Amino acid sequence: MKNHNAPFAIRFIGFSAREINIFDATFSVEQNRQKQYFRLFADSLQEPDLYLVNSDDLKALAMLADMEPNNLRPALLVGTPHVDLPFSNVERPIRWLKLFDALDTLMERRLIMLAKQNPADAALVNNVPERRRRERLDLDLTDPQEYERMRNKAPQSDRILVIDNQSTFRDDLAMAMAHHVVPVEWAGSLDAAAEVYTRLSISVVLINPRLAQIDPYELCSTIKRQHENTRIAVVFLSDKDFAYDQARASQAGCDGFLDRHLEQPQILLALGKFLSMRDRV
């Protein structure tokens, strides 16, 4: 079986900020372990390798049900749930060796299953439900404008726009999307980008937020305003040095960020959430 050297990505569900800080600190000091882990930020569009869930929080358990975890994308519960659930769990108070043993076991099982998979079965890995990016609807929905926003139409056809100072990322993405017949446009300036997203039907806009003379939050807000009657996703392409401002991004309508250095299948899976061909990604 192939060795897995990259850290495993964990989606946290239902933990307090204090607990998350403790997990982050523990993961960061355990760098010498054979298997390493890191927490996905809330607005990261990367799909996790595993869900870590606070089983004392019923809302977290309900959210987990929406994720439809399985052996290829398993869940580990922290604490003993009050309902019978078919997931592994570690008791509170947390014993870190036991937690890491449980994580390692689930990931080893996942790697074995992936190694045994036929290429034709790869869709099983990618066939994950679209992650809920907003809270569940309040049943007391009384604002007509909010209702109209919910009814925004999808673009007539899939098309991606990459706004970057170089076309390298776009060229690689275009080759990957050619199989799904999804065009990928490129723009290296504000004016060039505006010409594309005002003239063509766009499903997803990917912005390099480190472009000189561009405020990515303002650009995101502009694109969202111009397409207020059509669903269009705006995503920032991040790297290790980019500090994503969650409050500003939320106010601008940004749909999240994506690490541009991820492997191609992970990028395709993340973008597939916003495309009509997502069942085939």
Protein backbone atom coordinates (compact mmCIF):
# COMPACT_ATOMS: atom_id res chain seq x y z
CA MET A 1 0.00 0.00 0.00
CA LYS A 2 1.24 3.47 -0.85
CA ASN A 3 2.43 5.63 2.02
CA HIS A 4 0.38 8.73 2.73
CA ASN A 5 2.74 11.57 3.64
CA ALA A 6 0.37 14.52 3.55
CA PRO A 7 -1.47 15.51 6.75
CA PHE A 8 -5.09 14.42 6.95
CA ALA A 9 -7.73 17.15 6.83
CA ILE A 10 -10.36 17.16 9.59
CA ARG A 11 -13.69 19.01 9.54
CA PHE A 12 -14.68 19.98 13.10
CA ILE A 13 -18.39 20.05 13.96
CA GLY A 14 -19.92 21.46 17.13
CA PHE A 15 -16.85 22.39 19.20
CA SER A 16 -16.33 25.63 21.10
CA ALA A 17 -13.57 28.07 20.14
CA ARG A 18 -11.67 27.09 23.29
CA GLU A 19 -11.75 23.39 22.40
CA ILE A 20 -10.72 24.10 18.83
CA ASN A 21 -7.69 26.06 20.07
CA ILE A 22 -6.66 23.08 22.21
CA PHE A 23 -7.00 20.71 19.24
CA ASP A 24 -4.98 23.07 17.03
CA ALA A 25 -2.20 23.33 19.60
CA THR A 26 -2.12 19.56 20.09
CA PHE A 27 -1.97 18.85 16.35
CA SER A 28 0.84 21.38 15.91
CA VAL A 29 3.09 19.83 18.58
CA GLU A 30 2.53 16.27 17.32
CA GLN A 31 4.63 16.75 14.18
CA ASN A 32 6.73 13.62 14.66
CA ARG A 33 3.85 11.17 14.43
CA GLN A 34 3.60 8.90 11.40
CA LYS A 35 0.11 10.23 10.68
CA GLN A 36 -0.48 13.94 11.09
CA TYR A 37 -3.70 15.95 11.16
CA PHE A 38 -4.86 19.52 10.69
CA ARG A 39 -8.17 21.32 11.05
CA LEU A 40 -9.93 22.69 8.00
CA PHE A 41 -11.07 26.28 8.52
CA ALA A 42 -14.82 26.83 8.41
CA ASP A 43 -14.74 28.55 5.01
CA SER A 44 -12.33 26.12 3.36
CA LEU A 45 -13.96 24.38 0.40
CA GLN A 46 -11.61 21.42 0.64
CA GLU A 47 -13.38 18.17 1.44
CA PRO A 48 -12.19 16.53 4.67
CA ASP A 49 -10.65 13.12 5.13
CA LEU A 50 -12.55 12.77 8.40
CA TYR A 51 -15.23 14.48 10.51
CA LEU A 52 -14.57 15.13 14.21
CA VAL A 53 -17.84 15.74 16.04
CA ASN A 54 -18.83 16.95 19.48
CA SER A 55 -21.40 14.30 20.39
CA ASP A 56 -22.72 16.41 23.28
CA ASP A 57 -24.16 18.84 20.72
CA LEU A 58 -27.36 17.52 19.11
CA LYS A 59 -27.15 20.16 16.38
CA ALA A 60 -23.66 18.86 15.50
CA LEU A 61 -25.05 15.33 15.23
CA ALA A 62 -27.81 16.59 12.92
CA MET A 63 -25.22 18.34 10.76
CA LEU A 64 -23.19 15.13 10.62
CA ALA A 65 -26.21 13.28 9.26
CA ASP A 66 -26.28 15.76 6.34
CA MET A 67 -22.63 14.94 5.59
CA GLU A 68 -23.43 11.24 5.12
CA PRO A 69 -20.10 9.92 6.48
CA ASN A 70 -18.86 6.50 5.40
CA ASN A 71 -15.70 4.39 5.56
CA LEU A 72 -14.02 6.55 2.92
CA ARG A 73 -14.90 9.74 4.75
CA PRO A 74 -15.49 8.57 8.34
CA ALA A 75 -16.58 10.30 11.52
CA LEU A 76 -15.17 10.18 15.04
CA LEU A 77 -17.38 11.30 17.93
CA VAL A 78 -15.88 12.99 20.98
CA GLY A 79 -17.93 12.07 24.04
CA THR A 80 -20.68 9.52 24.44
CA PRO A 81 -23.79 10.36 22.40
CA HIS A 82 -27.25 10.08 23.97
CA VAL A 83 -28.49 8.24 20.88
CA ASP A 84 -27.21 5.07 19.26
CA LEU A 85 -24.97 5.97 16.32
CA PRO A 86 -22.80 3.73 14.12
CA PHE A 87 -19.61 5.76 14.56
CA SER A 88 -16.40 5.36 16.54
CA ASN A 89 -16.09 7.52 19.62
CA VAL A 90 -13.61 8.54 22.31
CA GLU A 91 -14.81 9.44 25.77
CA ARG A 92 -14.43 12.69 27.63
CA PRO A 93 -12.21 13.88 29.20
CA ILE A 94 -10.07 13.40 26.12
CA ARG A 95 -7.03 11.16 26.43
CA TRP A 96 -4.90 12.30 23.53
CA LEU A 97 -3.19 8.97 22.91
CA LYS A 98 -6.60 7.34 22.61
CA LEU A 99 -7.81 10.09 20.30
CA PHE A 100 -4.83 9.72 17.99
CA ASP A 101 -5.15 5.93 18.05
CA ALA A 102 -8.80 6.25 16.99
CA LEU A 103 -7.91 8.74 14.23
CA ASP A 104 -5.07 6.54 12.98
CA THR A 105 -7.32 3.48 12.88
CA LEU A 106 -9.98 5.22 10.81
CA MET A 107 -7.43 6.68 8.40
CA GLU A 108 -5.60 3.35 8.01
CA ARG A 109 -8.90 1.71 7.15
CA ARG A 110 -9.63 4.46 4.65
CA LEU A 111 -6.22 4.08 2.98
CA ILE A 112 -6.66 0.32 2.67
CA MET A 113 -10.04 0.78 1.01
CA LEU A 114 -8.65 3.38 -1.39
CA ALA A 115 -5.74 1.11 -2.31
CA LYS A 116 -8.15 -1.71 -3.16
CA GLN A 117 -10.40 0.46 -5.28
CA ASN A 118 -10.65 0.06 -9.00
CA PRO A 119 -10.25 3.28 -11.02
CA ALA A 120 -13.85 2.84 -12.18
CA ASP A 121 -14.97 3.09 -8.54
CA ALA A 122 -13.26 6.43 -7.94
CA ALA A 123 -16.63 8.18 -8.09
CA LEU A 124 -17.43 6.60 -4.72
CA VAL A 125 -14.78 8.79 -3.12
CA ASN A 126 -16.02 11.91 -4.82
CA ASN A 127 -19.71 11.18 -4.42
CA VAL A 128 -20.17 13.27 -1.30
CA PRO A 129 -23.09 15.54 -0.50
CA GLU A 130 -22.72 19.25 -0.98
CA ARG A 131 -21.59 20.72 2.32
CA ARG A 132 -24.18 23.01 3.88
CA ARG A 133 -22.67 26.50 3.68
CA ARG A 134 -25.47 28.24 5.57
CA GLU A 135 -27.59 27.52 8.62
CA ARG A 136 -30.77 25.53 8.18
CA LEU A 137 -33.73 27.68 7.19
CA ASP A 138 -35.66 29.40 9.92
CA LEU A 139 -39.23 28.19 9.50
CA ASP A 140 -40.43 31.72 10.31
CA LEU A 141 -39.24 33.11 6.97
CA THR A 142 -41.00 36.45 6.53
CA ASP A 143 -38.63 38.57 4.39
CA PRO A 144 -39.71 38.46 0.69
CA GLN A 145 -36.28 39.68 -0.44
CA GLU A 146 -34.60 36.77 1.35
CA TYR A 147 -37.01 34.40 -0.36
CA GLU A 148 -36.22 35.89 -3.77
CA ARG A 149 -32.49 35.48 -3.14
CA MET A 150 -33.11 31.81 -2.41
CA ARG A 151 -34.83 31.46 -5.78
CA ASN A 152 -31.91 32.83 -7.83
CA LYS A 153 -31.52 30.92 -11.06
CA ALA A 154 -28.46 28.87 -11.90
CA PRO A 155 -26.38 29.95 -14.93
CA GLN A 156 -27.54 28.45 -18.22
CA SER A 157 -24.26 26.57 -18.64
CA ASP A 158 -21.16 25.84 -16.57
CA ARG A 159 -18.18 28.15 -17.03
CA ILE A 160 -15.30 29.08 -14.72
CA LEU A 161 -13.38 32.36 -14.64
CA VAL A 162 -9.90 32.53 -13.08
CA ILE A 163 -8.69 36.04 -12.16
CA ASP A 164 -4.93 35.79 -11.70
CA ASN A 165 -1.79 37.53 -12.89
CA GLN A 166 -0.59 34.33 -14.54
CA SER A 167 -2.52 31.74 -16.51
CA THR A 168 -0.75 28.64 -15.15
CA PHE A 169 -3.48 27.64 -12.69
CA ARG A 170 -6.14 28.31 -15.32
CA ASP A 171 -4.32 26.20 -17.92
CA ASP A 172 -4.09 23.20 -15.57
CA LEU A 173 -7.73 23.59 -14.52
CA ALA A 174 -8.86 23.92 -18.15
CA MET A 175 -7.23 20.60 -19.02
CA ALA A 176 -8.98 18.91 -16.09
CA MET A 177 -12.36 20.47 -16.89
CA ALA A 178 -12.16 19.61 -20.59
CA HIS A 179 -13.37 16.10 -19.75
CA HIS A 180 -16.53 17.62 -18.28
CA VAL A 181 -16.92 20.15 -21.14
CA VAL A 182 -16.61 23.11 -18.75
CA PRO A 183 -14.79 26.11 -20.30
CA VAL A 184 -12.26 27.91 -18.09
CA GLU A 185 -11.61 31.58 -18.87
CA TRP A 186 -8.66 33.65 -17.65
CA ALA A 187 -8.30 37.35 -16.87
CA GLY A 188 -5.22 39.10 -15.55
CA SER A 189 -6.77 42.48 -14.74
CA LEU A 190 -9.96 44.04 -13.41
CA ASP A 191 -11.00 45.34 -16.83
CA ALA A 192 -10.40 41.99 -18.52
CA ALA A 193 -12.30 40.19 -15.75
CA ALA A 194 -15.26 42.58 -15.97
CA GLU A 195 -15.49 42.01 -19.72
CA VAL A 196 -15.75 38.25 -19.15
CA TYR A 197 -18.19 38.10 -16.23
CA THR A 198 -20.51 40.71 -17.75
CA ARG A 199 -20.50 39.18 -21.25
CA LEU A 200 -20.55 35.45 -20.49
CA SER A 201 -22.59 33.20 -18.25
CA ILE A 202 -20.27 32.26 -15.35
CA SER A 203 -20.82 29.63 -12.65
CA VAL A 204 -17.65 30.10 -10.58
CA VAL A 205 -15.15 32.94 -10.27
CA LEU A 206 -11.76 32.09 -8.76
CA ILE A 207 -9.82 35.13 -7.53
CA ASN A 208 -6.17 35.33 -6.57
CA PRO A 209 -6.58 37.70 -3.59
CA ARG A 210 -2.91 38.72 -3.68
CA LEU A 211 -3.17 40.50 -7.01
CA ALA A 212 -1.70 43.99 -6.93
CA GLN A 213 -4.17 46.89 -7.07
CA ILE A 214 -7.16 44.58 -6.48
CA ASP A 215 -9.26 44.45 -3.34
CA PRO A 216 -10.59 40.88 -3.54
CA TYR A 217 -13.48 41.59 -1.15
CA GLU A 218 -14.62 44.61 -3.14
CA LEU A 219 -14.29 42.66 -6.39
CA CYS A 220 -16.32 39.80 -4.92
CA SER A 221 -19.05 42.22 -3.82
CA THR A 222 -19.13 43.82 -7.29
CA ILE A 223 -19.51 40.45 -9.02
CA LYS A 224 -22.25 39.36 -6.63
CA ARG A 225 -24.19 42.62 -7.17
CA GLN A 226 -23.98 42.31 -10.94
CA HIS A 227 -25.29 38.75 -10.73
CA GLU A 228 -27.85 39.23 -7.97
CA ASN A 229 -30.49 37.32 -9.95
CA THR A 230 -28.21 34.44 -10.89
CA ARG A 231 -26.32 32.00 -8.69
CA ILE A 232 -22.61 32.61 -9.11
CA ALA A 233 -19.92 31.39 -6.71
CA VAL A 234 -16.91 33.53 -5.87
CA VAL A 235 -13.93 31.69 -4.36
CA PHE A 236 -10.53 32.98 -3.26
CA LEU A 237 -7.44 30.97 -4.25
CA SER A 238 -5.39 30.80 -1.07
CA ASP A 239 -1.86 29.91 -0.11
CA LYS A 240 -0.07 29.67 3.22
CA ASP A 241 0.63 33.43 3.37
CA PHE A 242 -2.94 34.58 2.70
CA ALA A 243 -4.90 35.74 5.74
CA TYR A 244 -8.57 35.13 4.94
CA ASP A 245 -10.81 37.71 6.66
CA GLN A 246 -13.96 35.72 7.39
CA ALA A 247 -16.04 38.74 8.42
CA ARG A 248 -15.19 40.77 5.29
CA ALA A 249 -15.61 37.74 3.08
CA SER A 250 -19.04 36.99 4.49
CA GLN A 251 -20.12 40.61 4.04
CA ALA A 252 -18.92 40.54 0.42
CA GLY A 253 -20.79 37.29 -0.27
CA CYS A 254 -17.66 35.18 -0.79
CA ASP A 255 -18.39 31.44 -0.94
CA GLY A 256 -15.11 30.40 0.68
CA PHE A 257 -11.47 29.82 -0.12
CA LEU A 258 -9.55 27.01 -1.78
CA ASP A 259 -5.89 26.09 -1.44
CA ARG A 260 -4.49 26.43 -4.95
CA HIS A 261 -1.79 23.85 -4.17
CA LEU A 262 -4.21 20.99 -3.57
CA GLU A 263 -4.06 18.00 -5.86
CA GLN A 264 -6.29 18.18 -8.92
CA PRO A 265 -8.97 15.69 -7.73
CA GLN A 266 -9.51 17.71 -4.55
CA ILE A 267 -9.85 20.96 -6.50
CA LEU A 268 -12.33 19.40 -8.90
CA LEU A 269 -14.35 18.00 -6.01
CA ALA A 270 -14.51 21.40 -4.30
CA LEU A 271 -15.55 23.24 -7.47
CA GLY A 272 -18.09 20.55 -8.29
CA LYS A 273 -20.28 21.87 -5.46
CA PHE A 274 -21.09 24.88 -7.63
CA LEU A 275 -21.45 23.21 -11.03
CA SER A 276 -24.39 21.40 -12.56
CA MET A 277 -22.05 18.55 -13.51
CA ARG A 278 -21.07 17.95 -9.86
CA ASP A 279 -22.44 14.38 -9.95
CA ARG A 280 -19.86 13.59 -12.62
CA VAL A 281 -16.83 15.23 -10.96
